Amino acid sequence: MPGAMIIESMAQLGGVLVEASMREQGRHDLHALLVTVDRAKFRHQVRAGDKMELECHGIVVHEDGGQVRAMARVDGKLVAEAELAFAFARVTNPKLLARRREVLNIWLTGSAEEP
């Protein structure tokens, strides 16, 4: 699996994490955008058929953006890691807000329904 795809998967999870953190503070109008990738290390190859498990830990989140530390593992073995920084863009379109809320609920709860 190309390194860019591994970073993309970690960024998607990290973006959901920082957005969820802001939702906890009542900010449902913010969309996370990946702005930097720091300290990226690719330790082992990920091959077809491997099950890659992702893990993200929040470093800092505030109204301007956030930063996470992300790791990817295969069979418990660390294959990649990076620190990812996000900026927030404000979303004001009601239809887009509703769709994003639905997608985030699926990611966070497994259901499109509001918790």
Protein backbone atom coordinates (compact mmCIF):
# COMPACT_ATOMS: atom_id res chain seq x y z
CA MET A 1 0.00 0.00 0.00
CA PRO A 2 1.51 3.37 -0.95
CA GLY A 3 2.54 5.64 1.91
CA ALA A 4 0.21 8.38 0.66
CA MET A 5 -2.76 6.05 1.13
CA ILE A 6 -1.65 5.20 4.67
CA ILE A 7 -1.36 8.92 5.48
CA GLU A 8 -4.78 9.52 3.91
CA SER A 9 -6.39 6.85 6.07
CA MET A 10 -4.75 8.23 9.22
CA ALA A 11 -5.84 11.75 8.20
CA GLN A 12 -9.46 10.68 7.77
CA LEU A 13 -9.51 9.17 11.26
CA GLY A 14 -7.65 12.17 12.73
CA GLY A 15 -10.06 14.59 11.06
CA VAL A 16 -13.04 12.77 12.52
CA LEU A 17 -11.38 12.87 15.96
CA VAL A 18 -10.76 16.64 15.93
CA GLU A 19 -14.22 17.34 14.50
CA ALA A 20 -15.82 15.15 17.19
CA SER A 21 -13.86 17.04 19.84
CA MET A 22 -15.30 20.32 18.60
CA ARG A 23 -18.80 18.82 18.39
CA GLU A 24 -18.49 18.04 22.11
CA GLN A 25 -18.08 21.80 22.58
CA GLY A 26 -21.19 22.53 20.52
CA ARG A 27 -19.37 23.44 17.29
CA HIS A 28 -21.17 21.41 14.62
CA ASP A 29 -20.22 23.85 11.85
CA LEU A 30 -16.50 23.03 11.53
CA HIS A 31 -14.87 20.79 8.93
CA ALA A 32 -11.29 19.56 9.46
CA LEU A 33 -8.80 20.07 6.63
CA LEU A 34 -5.39 18.39 6.69
CA VAL A 35 -2.67 21.06 6.51
CA THR A 36 0.59 19.39 7.56
CA VAL A 37 2.13 15.98 8.03
CA ASP A 38 5.11 15.94 10.41
CA ARG A 39 7.45 13.23 11.63
CA ALA A 40 6.02 10.63 9.24
CA LYS A 41 7.80 7.30 9.45
CA PHE A 42 7.07 4.20 7.42
CA ARG A 43 8.57 1.23 9.24
CA HIS A 44 7.25 -1.77 7.28
CA GLN A 45 5.39 -2.42 4.06
CA VAL A 46 1.65 -2.97 4.06
CA ARG A 47 0.76 -5.61 1.49
CA ALA A 48 -2.47 -6.66 -0.18
CA GLY A 49 -4.55 -8.69 2.24
CA ASP A 50 -3.04 -7.10 5.36
CA LYS A 51 -5.52 -5.77 7.91
CA MET A 52 -4.30 -2.31 8.89
CA GLU A 53 -5.52 -0.99 12.24
CA LEU A 54 -5.48 2.77 12.84
CA GLU A 55 -5.09 4.65 16.10
CA CYS A 56 -5.17 8.40 16.74
CA HIS A 57 -4.56 10.40 19.89
CA GLY A 58 -5.43 14.07 20.14
CA ILE A 59 -2.51 16.34 20.99
CA VAL A 60 -4.40 19.64 20.94
CA VAL A 61 -7.76 20.85 19.62
CA HIS A 62 -9.06 24.43 19.59
CA GLU A 63 -11.32 26.55 17.39
CA ASP A 64 -8.60 27.20 14.81
CA GLY A 65 -7.64 23.56 14.32
CA GLY A 66 -6.06 20.57 15.95
CA GLN A 67 -3.18 18.13 15.97
CA VAL A 68 -3.15 14.35 16.38
CA ARG A 69 -0.58 11.60 16.61
CA ALA A 70 -1.59 8.74 14.31
CA MET A 71 -0.31 5.19 14.09
CA ALA A 72 -1.01 2.30 11.72
CA ARG A 73 -0.40 -1.32 12.73
CA VAL A 74 -0.57 -4.68 11.00
CA ASP A 75 -0.79 -7.72 13.28
CA GLY A 76 0.06 -5.46 16.23
CA LYS A 77 3.30 -4.32 14.56
CA LEU A 78 3.77 -0.57 13.99
CA VAL A 79 4.01 0.03 10.24
CA ALA A 80 3.61 3.83 10.07
CA GLU A 81 3.22 6.86 12.30
CA ALA A 82 2.86 10.61 11.87
CA GLU A 83 1.74 13.81 13.52
CA LEU A 84 -1.05 15.44 11.56
CA ALA A 85 -2.25 19.02 11.85
CA PHE A 86 -5.69 20.23 10.79
CA ALA A 87 -7.28 23.61 10.22
CA PHE A 88 -11.02 24.11 10.54
CA ALA A 89 -13.19 25.51 7.79
CA ARG A 90 -16.64 26.78 8.74
CA VAL A 91 -19.52 25.05 6.95
CA THR A 92 -22.71 27.11 6.68
CA ASN A 93 -24.81 25.31 4.05
CA PRO A 94 -27.66 23.57 5.96
CA LYS A 95 -27.82 20.60 3.56
CA LEU A 96 -24.07 20.05 3.76
CA LEU A 97 -24.17 20.38 7.56
CA ALA A 98 -26.90 17.73 7.78
CA ARG A 99 -25.00 15.34 5.50
CA ARG A 100 -21.74 15.82 7.43
CA ARG A 101 -23.56 15.23 10.72
CA GLU A 102 -24.99 11.99 9.29
CA VAL A 103 -21.56 10.79 8.10
CA LEU A 104 -19.91 11.68 11.42
CA ASN A 105 -22.63 9.86 13.35
CA ILE A 106 -22.01 6.75 11.25
CA TRP A 107 -18.26 6.96 11.99
CA LEU A 108 -18.75 7.62 15.70
CA THR A 109 -21.78 5.48 16.57
CA GLY A 110 -22.36 3.12 13.66
CA SER A 111 -25.74 4.72 12.97
CA ALA A 112 -26.93 7.73 10.98
CA GLU A 113 -29.35 8.61 13.79
CA GLU A 114 -28.47 11.31 16.32
CA PRO A 115 -27.31 9.81 19.63
